[in-house]
Amino acid sequence: MADCAVPAQSVAWRPPRSRGGRRMGPSVEDVDESALDEAQRVLGTKSRRDTVNAALREVARQKLVDDFLEFMASRDPEELERLRNEAWH
């Protein structure tokens, strides 16, 4: 049997359900309200759904940024300068 991640204790997970014949994904019902409120404030979102979706997009975006910064840090500074000069001249 494959290893399965166990949901955090503060989150109640519900199995997929159907709405109007359309299968829907899992739903998070119990979340850390103070963390949700803070995320909502930081992200400027209005609803719980918008906050969770924006937070998920932000996590994915931050991973791309981190990967890019790591890639750039591994490059030779002289090569980066040469590429910069070629791009702007």
C-alpha atoms as a PDB file:
ATOM      1  CA  MET A   1       0.000   0.000   0.000  1.00  0.00           C
ATOM      2  CA  ALA A   2       1.298   3.485  -0.841  1.00  0.00           C
ATOM      3  CA  ASP A   3       2.163   5.858   1.972  1.00  0.00           C
ATOM      4  CA  CYS A   4      -0.575   8.393   2.577  1.00  0.00           C
ATOM      5  CA  ALA A   5      -0.145  11.805   4.111  1.00  0.00           C
ATOM      6  CA  VAL A   6      -2.136  12.269   7.272  1.00  0.00           C
ATOM      7  CA  PRO A   7      -4.052  15.573   7.401  1.00  0.00           C
ATOM      8  CA  ALA A   8      -3.035  17.987  10.146  1.00  0.00           C
ATOM      9  CA  GLN A   9      -5.007  17.572  13.338  1.00  0.00           C
ATOM     10  CA  SER A  10      -6.524  21.052  13.038  1.00  0.00           C
ATOM     11  CA  VAL A  11      -8.052  20.211   9.642  1.00  0.00           C
ATOM     12  CA  ALA A  12     -11.156  18.105   9.108  1.00  0.00           C
ATOM     13  CA  TRP A  13     -10.986  16.389   5.733  1.00  0.00           C
ATOM     14  CA  ARG A  14     -14.085  15.257   3.893  1.00  0.00           C
ATOM     15  CA  PRO A  15     -14.012  12.832   0.978  1.00  0.00           C
ATOM     16  CA  PRO A  16     -14.971  14.038  -2.528  1.00  0.00           C
ATOM     17  CA  ARG A  17     -18.680  14.665  -2.985  1.00  0.00           C
ATOM     18  CA  SER A  18     -21.050  15.406  -5.825  1.00  0.00           C
ATOM     19  CA  ARG A  19     -22.875  18.630  -6.579  1.00  0.00           C
ATOM     20  CA  GLY A  20     -25.352  18.620  -9.445  1.00  0.00           C
ATOM     21  CA  GLY A  21     -23.804  15.448 -10.833  1.00  0.00           C
ATOM     22  CA  ARG A  22     -20.330  17.009 -10.848  1.00  0.00           C
ATOM     23  CA  ARG A  23     -17.731  15.369  -8.629  1.00  0.00           C
ATOM     24  CA  MET A  24     -16.019  17.828  -6.330  1.00  0.00           C
ATOM     25  CA  GLY A  25     -12.686  17.599  -4.560  1.00  0.00           C
ATOM     26  CA  PRO A  26     -12.025  17.413  -0.838  1.00  0.00           C
ATOM     27  CA  SER A  27     -13.107  20.270   1.390  1.00  0.00           C
ATOM     28  CA  VAL A  28     -11.321  21.804   4.348  1.00  0.00           C
ATOM     29  CA  GLU A  29     -13.766  22.647   7.083  1.00  0.00           C
ATOM     30  CA  ASP A  30     -11.798  23.396  10.235  1.00  0.00           C
ATOM     31  CA  VAL A  31      -8.819  25.683   9.778  1.00  0.00           C
ATOM     32  CA  ASP A  32      -6.729  27.817  12.084  1.00  0.00           C
ATOM     33  CA  GLU A  33      -8.951  30.912  12.130  1.00  0.00           C
ATOM     34  CA  SER A  34      -6.191  33.300  13.223  1.00  0.00           C
ATOM     35  CA  ALA A  35      -3.928  32.060  10.393  1.00  0.00           C
ATOM     36  CA  LEU A  36      -6.805  32.399   7.926  1.00  0.00           C
ATOM     37  CA  ASP A  37      -7.567  35.927   9.150  1.00  0.00           C
ATOM     38  CA  GLU A  38      -3.904  36.923   8.822  1.00  0.00           C
ATOM     39  CA  ALA A  39      -3.638  35.400   5.337  1.00  0.00           C
ATOM     40  CA  GLN A  40      -6.827  37.210   4.340  1.00  0.00           C
ATOM     41  CA  ARG A  41      -5.408  40.507   5.601  1.00  0.00           C
ATOM     42  CA  VAL A  42      -2.058  40.007   3.855  1.00  0.00           C
ATOM     43  CA  LEU A  43      -3.588  38.804   0.588  1.00  0.00           C
ATOM     44  CA  GLY A  44      -6.451  41.306   0.567  1.00  0.00           C
ATOM     45  CA  THR A  45      -9.050  38.633  -0.102  1.00  0.00           C
ATOM     46  CA  LYS A  46     -12.676  38.714   0.976  1.00  0.00           C
ATOM     47  CA  SER A  47     -13.791  35.100   1.306  1.00  0.00           C
ATOM     48  CA  ARG A  48     -12.342  31.940   2.848  1.00  0.00           C
ATOM     49  CA  ARG A  49     -12.277  30.285  -0.569  1.00  0.00           C
ATOM     50  CA  ASP A  50     -10.477  33.223  -2.209  1.00  0.00           C
ATOM     51  CA  THR A  51      -7.985  33.300   0.670  1.00  0.00           C
ATOM     52  CA  VAL A  52      -7.168  29.592   0.445  1.00  0.00           C
ATOM     53  CA  ASN A  53      -6.843  29.733  -3.356  1.00  0.00           C
ATOM     54  CA  ALA A  54      -4.660  32.857  -3.240  1.00  0.00           C
ATOM     55  CA  ALA A  55      -2.472  31.279  -0.557  1.00  0.00           C
ATOM     56  CA  LEU A  56      -2.010  28.140  -2.661  1.00  0.00           C
ATOM     57  CA  ARG A  57      -1.044  30.233  -5.695  1.00  0.00           C
ATOM     58  CA  GLU A  58       1.387  32.239  -3.558  1.00  0.00           C
ATOM     59  CA  VAL A  59       3.094  29.083  -2.272  1.00  0.00           C
ATOM     60  CA  ALA A  60       3.567  27.853  -5.848  1.00  0.00           C
ATOM     61  CA  ARG A  61       4.839  31.284  -6.963  1.00  0.00           C
ATOM     62  CA  GLN A  62       7.287  31.472  -4.072  1.00  0.00           C
ATOM     63  CA  LYS A  63       8.691  28.048  -4.965  1.00  0.00           C
ATOM     64  CA  LEU A  64       9.374  29.264  -8.516  1.00  0.00           C
ATOM     65  CA  VAL A  65      11.088  32.384  -7.163  1.00  0.00           C
ATOM     66  CA  ASP A  66      13.203  30.329  -4.750  1.00  0.00           C
ATOM     67  CA  ASP A  67      14.213  27.931  -7.536  1.00  0.00           C
ATOM     68  CA  PHE A  68      15.145  30.835  -9.822  1.00  0.00           C
ATOM     69  CA  LEU A  69      17.220  32.542  -7.121  1.00  0.00           C
ATOM     70  CA  GLU A  70      18.999  29.269  -6.370  1.00  0.00           C
ATOM     71  CA  PHE A  71      19.709  28.785 -10.084  1.00  0.00           C
ATOM     72  CA  MET A  72      21.034  32.341 -10.440  1.00  0.00           C
ATOM     73  CA  ALA A  73      23.229  31.989  -7.353  1.00  0.00           C
ATOM     74  CA  SER A  74      24.831  28.884  -8.886  1.00  0.00           C
ATOM     75  CA  ARG A  75      25.831  30.753 -12.068  1.00  0.00           C
ATOM     76  CA  ASP A  76      29.216  32.340 -12.671  1.00  0.00           C
ATOM     77  CA  PRO A  77      28.948  36.127 -12.000  1.00  0.00           C
ATOM     78  CA  GLU A  78      31.015  36.905 -15.109  1.00  0.00           C
ATOM     79  CA  GLU A  79      28.669  34.824 -17.255  1.00  0.00           C
ATOM     80  CA  LEU A  80      25.663  36.663 -15.786  1.00  0.00           C
ATOM     81  CA  GLU A  81      27.306  40.025 -16.530  1.00  0.00           C
ATOM     82  CA  ARG A  82      28.002  38.932 -20.115  1.00  0.00           C
ATOM     83  CA  LEU A  83      24.394  37.803 -20.560  1.00  0.00           C
ATOM     84  CA  ARG A  84      23.102  41.047 -19.067  1.00  0.00           C
ATOM     85  CA  ASN A  85      25.239  43.096 -21.436  1.00  0.00           C
ATOM     86  CA  GLU A  86      24.079  41.053 -24.440  1.00  0.00           C
ATOM     87  CA  ALA A  87      20.437  41.447 -23.424  1.00  0.00           C
ATOM     88  CA  TRP A  88      20.563  45.237 -23.002  1.00  0.00           C
ATOM     89  CA  HIS A  89      22.966  46.275 -25.758  1.00  0.00           C
END
